[in-house]
Amino acid sequence: QVQLVESGGGLVQAGGSLKLSCAASGIIFSVAAMGWYRQTPGKQRELVATITPNFGTTYAESAKGRFTISRDNPKNTVYLQLNDLKPEDTAVYYCSAGIFSRTYWGQGTGVTVSS
């Protein structure tokens, strides 16, 4: 059974930082393409950042220069470092794992940025 469990969300002031974690189980983590997405009420889920099994990364324009995705394969965990947070970053952040043509999702962790 595949499980992705996000943690690290919370309330932070504008300009602050958070580090999100996603612990994976039930998959061969080292060959999974991992990603972070976010969603706000009434809007579609949008890509924030991805990291390949070979540690290649991509970022949404809104995330470039402020967010950093990383992975620790021995710990089966992917991280998203959020710096210089803005109120518009307020969302539920979801972890995804892509492996063998299937995509799995976590339950999400909420990030609220106050101005």
C-alpha atoms as a PDB file:
ATOM      1  CA  GLN A   1       0.000   0.000   0.000  1.00  0.00           C
ATOM      2  CA  VAL A   2       1.448   3.320  -1.089  1.00  0.00           C
ATOM      3  CA  GLN A   3       1.421   6.098   1.470  1.00  0.00           C
ATOM      4  CA  LEU A   4       2.647   9.656   1.194  1.00  0.00           C
ATOM      5  CA  VAL A   5       2.511  11.622   4.426  1.00  0.00           C
ATOM      6  CA  GLU A   6       3.181  15.338   4.350  1.00  0.00           C
ATOM      7  CA  SER A   7       4.161  17.413   7.350  1.00  0.00           C
ATOM      8  CA  GLY A   8       5.663  20.776   8.189  1.00  0.00           C
ATOM      9  CA  GLY A   9       2.873  23.120   7.201  1.00  0.00           C
ATOM     10  CA  GLY A  10       1.618  25.875   9.431  1.00  0.00           C
ATOM     11  CA  LEU A  11       1.073  29.576   9.910  1.00  0.00           C
ATOM     12  CA  VAL A  12       3.918  31.944   9.122  1.00  0.00           C
ATOM     13  CA  GLN A  13       4.312  35.656   8.557  1.00  0.00           C
ATOM     14  CA  ALA A  14       5.177  37.047   5.166  1.00  0.00           C
ATOM     15  CA  GLY A  15       8.905  36.775   4.562  1.00  0.00           C
ATOM     16  CA  GLY A  16       9.169  33.714   6.761  1.00  0.00           C
ATOM     17  CA  SER A  17      10.185  30.151   5.966  1.00  0.00           C
ATOM     18  CA  LEU A  18       8.843  26.646   6.310  1.00  0.00           C
ATOM     19  CA  LYS A  19      10.185  23.240   5.387  1.00  0.00           C
ATOM     20  CA  LEU A  20       7.692  20.666   4.189  1.00  0.00           C
ATOM     21  CA  SER A  21       8.433  16.959   4.327  1.00  0.00           C
ATOM     22  CA  CYS A  22       6.808  14.017   2.586  1.00  0.00           C
ATOM     23  CA  ALA A  23       7.567  10.531   3.826  1.00  0.00           C
ATOM     24  CA  ALA A  24       6.841   7.768   1.335  1.00  0.00           C
ATOM     25  CA  SER A  25       6.211   4.106   1.913  1.00  0.00           C
ATOM     26  CA  GLY A  26       5.090   1.213  -0.259  1.00  0.00           C
ATOM     27  CA  ILE A  27       7.075   2.345  -3.307  1.00  0.00           C
ATOM     28  CA  ILE A  28      10.619   2.015  -4.561  1.00  0.00           C
ATOM     29  CA  PHE A  29      11.356   5.589  -3.640  1.00  0.00           C
ATOM     30  CA  SER A  30      14.683   5.867  -5.446  1.00  0.00           C
ATOM     31  CA  VAL A  31      13.045   5.384  -8.855  1.00  0.00           C
ATOM     32  CA  ALA A  32      10.036   7.611  -8.229  1.00  0.00           C
ATOM     33  CA  ALA A  33       9.635  11.070  -9.679  1.00  0.00           C
ATOM     34  CA  MET A  34       8.546  13.216  -6.757  1.00  0.00           C
ATOM     35  CA  GLY A  35       6.725  16.487  -6.804  1.00  0.00           C
ATOM     36  CA  TRP A  36       5.025  19.164  -4.787  1.00  0.00           C
ATOM     37  CA  TYR A  37       1.778  20.767  -5.867  1.00  0.00           C
ATOM     38  CA  ARG A  38      -0.527  23.247  -4.194  1.00  0.00           C
ATOM     39  CA  GLN A  39      -4.180  24.091  -4.306  1.00  0.00           C
ATOM     40  CA  THR A  40      -6.402  26.876  -3.034  1.00  0.00           C
ATOM     41  CA  PRO A  41     -10.199  26.753  -2.827  1.00  0.00           C
ATOM     42  CA  GLY A  42     -11.851  27.128  -6.199  1.00  0.00           C
ATOM     43  CA  LYS A  43      -8.633  26.717  -8.140  1.00  0.00           C
ATOM     44  CA  GLN A  44      -6.953  23.814  -9.855  1.00  0.00           C
ATOM     45  CA  ARG A  45      -4.031  22.088  -8.260  1.00  0.00           C
ATOM     46  CA  GLU A  46      -0.831  23.597  -9.625  1.00  0.00           C
ATOM     47  CA  LEU A  47       2.703  22.362  -9.887  1.00  0.00           C
ATOM     48  CA  VAL A  48       5.239  23.868  -7.507  1.00  0.00           C
ATOM     49  CA  ALA A  49       8.356  21.752  -8.049  1.00  0.00           C
ATOM     50  CA  THR A  50       9.499  18.312  -9.152  1.00  0.00           C
ATOM     51  CA  ILE A  51      12.590  16.208  -8.650  1.00  0.00           C
ATOM     52  CA  THR A  52      13.543  13.206 -10.748  1.00  0.00           C
ATOM     53  CA  PRO A  53      15.202   9.990  -9.582  1.00  0.00           C
ATOM     54  CA  ASN A  54      18.445  11.509 -10.879  1.00  0.00           C
ATOM     55  CA  PHE A  55      17.907  14.653  -8.781  1.00  0.00           C
ATOM     56  CA  GLY A  56      16.967  16.875 -11.700  1.00  0.00           C
ATOM     57  CA  THR A  57      14.624  19.655 -10.588  1.00  0.00           C
ATOM     58  CA  THR A  58      11.992  21.885 -12.136  1.00  0.00           C
ATOM     59  CA  TYR A  59      10.113  24.787 -10.588  1.00  0.00           C
ATOM     60  CA  ALA A  60       7.057  26.861 -11.296  1.00  0.00           C
ATOM     61  CA  GLU A  61       7.931  30.452 -12.095  1.00  0.00           C
ATOM     62  CA  SER A  62       6.377  31.544  -8.812  1.00  0.00           C
ATOM     63  CA  ALA A  63       8.694  29.195  -6.907  1.00  0.00           C
ATOM     64  CA  LYS A  64      11.985  29.945  -8.610  1.00  0.00           C
ATOM     65  CA  GLY A  65      14.522  31.569  -6.311  1.00  0.00           C
ATOM     66  CA  ARG A  66      12.398  31.055  -3.208  1.00  0.00           C
ATOM     67  CA  PHE A  67      11.592  27.338  -2.952  1.00  0.00           C
ATOM     68  CA  THR A  68      13.939  24.371  -3.058  1.00  0.00           C
ATOM     69  CA  ILE A  69      12.945  20.757  -3.592  1.00  0.00           C
ATOM     70  CA  SER A  70      15.240  17.986  -2.419  1.00  0.00           C
ATOM     71  CA  ARG A  71      15.107  14.290  -1.690  1.00  0.00           C
ATOM     72  CA  ASP A  72      16.753  11.884   0.710  1.00  0.00           C
ATOM     73  CA  ASN A  73      16.503   8.426  -0.794  1.00  0.00           C
ATOM     74  CA  PRO A  74      17.701   6.457   2.272  1.00  0.00           C
ATOM     75  CA  LYS A  75      14.927   8.180   4.264  1.00  0.00           C
ATOM     76  CA  ASN A  76      12.291   7.817   1.507  1.00  0.00           C
ATOM     77  CA  THR A  77      11.546  11.503   1.983  1.00  0.00           C
ATOM     78  CA  VAL A  78      11.170  14.511  -0.270  1.00  0.00           C
ATOM     79  CA  TYR A  79      11.370  18.053   1.060  1.00  0.00           C
ATOM     80  CA  LEU A  80      10.245  21.475  -0.016  1.00  0.00           C
ATOM     81  CA  GLN A  81      12.037  24.424   1.554  1.00  0.00           C
ATOM     82  CA  LEU A  82       9.856  27.513   1.360  1.00  0.00           C
ATOM     83  CA  ASN A  83      11.625  30.839   1.828  1.00  0.00           C
ATOM     84  CA  ASP A  84      10.474  34.439   1.542  1.00  0.00           C
ATOM     85  CA  LEU A  85       6.869  33.321   1.777  1.00  0.00           C
ATOM     86  CA  LYS A  86       4.119  35.570   0.468  1.00  0.00           C
ATOM     87  CA  PRO A  87       0.400  35.637   1.268  1.00  0.00           C
ATOM     88  CA  GLU A  88      -0.280  34.263  -2.210  1.00  0.00           C
ATOM     89  CA  ASP A  89       1.647  31.121  -1.254  1.00  0.00           C
ATOM     90  CA  THR A  90      -1.198  30.240   1.105  1.00  0.00           C
ATOM     91  CA  ALA A  91      -2.511  26.849  -0.015  1.00  0.00           C
ATOM     92  CA  VAL A  92      -2.687  23.178   0.759  1.00  0.00           C
ATOM     93  CA  TYR A  93       0.546  21.614  -0.420  1.00  0.00           C
ATOM     94  CA  TYR A  94       0.427  18.069  -1.777  1.00  0.00           C
ATOM     95  CA  CYS A  95       3.207  15.590  -2.351  1.00  0.00           C
ATOM     96  CA  SER A  96       3.100  13.353  -5.412  1.00  0.00           C
ATOM     97  CA  ALA A  97       4.989  10.264  -6.480  1.00  0.00           C
ATOM     98  CA  GLY A  98       5.147   9.087 -10.059  1.00  0.00           C
ATOM     99  CA  ILE A  99       6.299   5.548 -10.654  1.00  0.00           C
ATOM    100  CA  PHE A 100       5.557   2.905 -13.288  1.00  0.00           C
ATOM    101  CA  SER A 101       2.998   5.154 -15.038  1.00  0.00           C
ATOM    102  CA  ARG A 102       1.002   5.740 -11.865  1.00  0.00           C
ATOM    103  CA  THR A 103       0.724   8.832  -9.723  1.00  0.00           C
ATOM    104  CA  TYR A 104       0.096   8.772  -6.015  1.00  0.00           C
ATOM    105  CA  TRP A 105      -0.898  11.673  -3.796  1.00  0.00           C
ATOM    106  CA  GLY A 106      -0.636  12.532  -0.162  1.00  0.00           C
ATOM    107  CA  GLN A 107      -3.365  14.135   1.913  1.00  0.00           C
ATOM    108  CA  GLY A 108      -1.736  17.545   1.931  1.00  0.00           C
ATOM    109  CA  THR A 109      -0.411  19.957   4.504  1.00  0.00           C
ATOM    110  CA  GLY A 110      -1.717  23.492   4.904  1.00  0.00           C
ATOM    111  CA  VAL A 111       0.441  26.588   4.620  1.00  0.00           C
ATOM    112  CA  THR A 112      -0.971  29.951   5.648  1.00  0.00           C
ATOM    113  CA  VAL A 113       1.060  33.105   5.147  1.00  0.00           C
ATOM    114  CA  SER A 114      -0.141  36.201   6.944  1.00  0.00           C
ATOM    115  CA  SER A 115       0.628  39.691   5.728  1.00  0.00           C
END
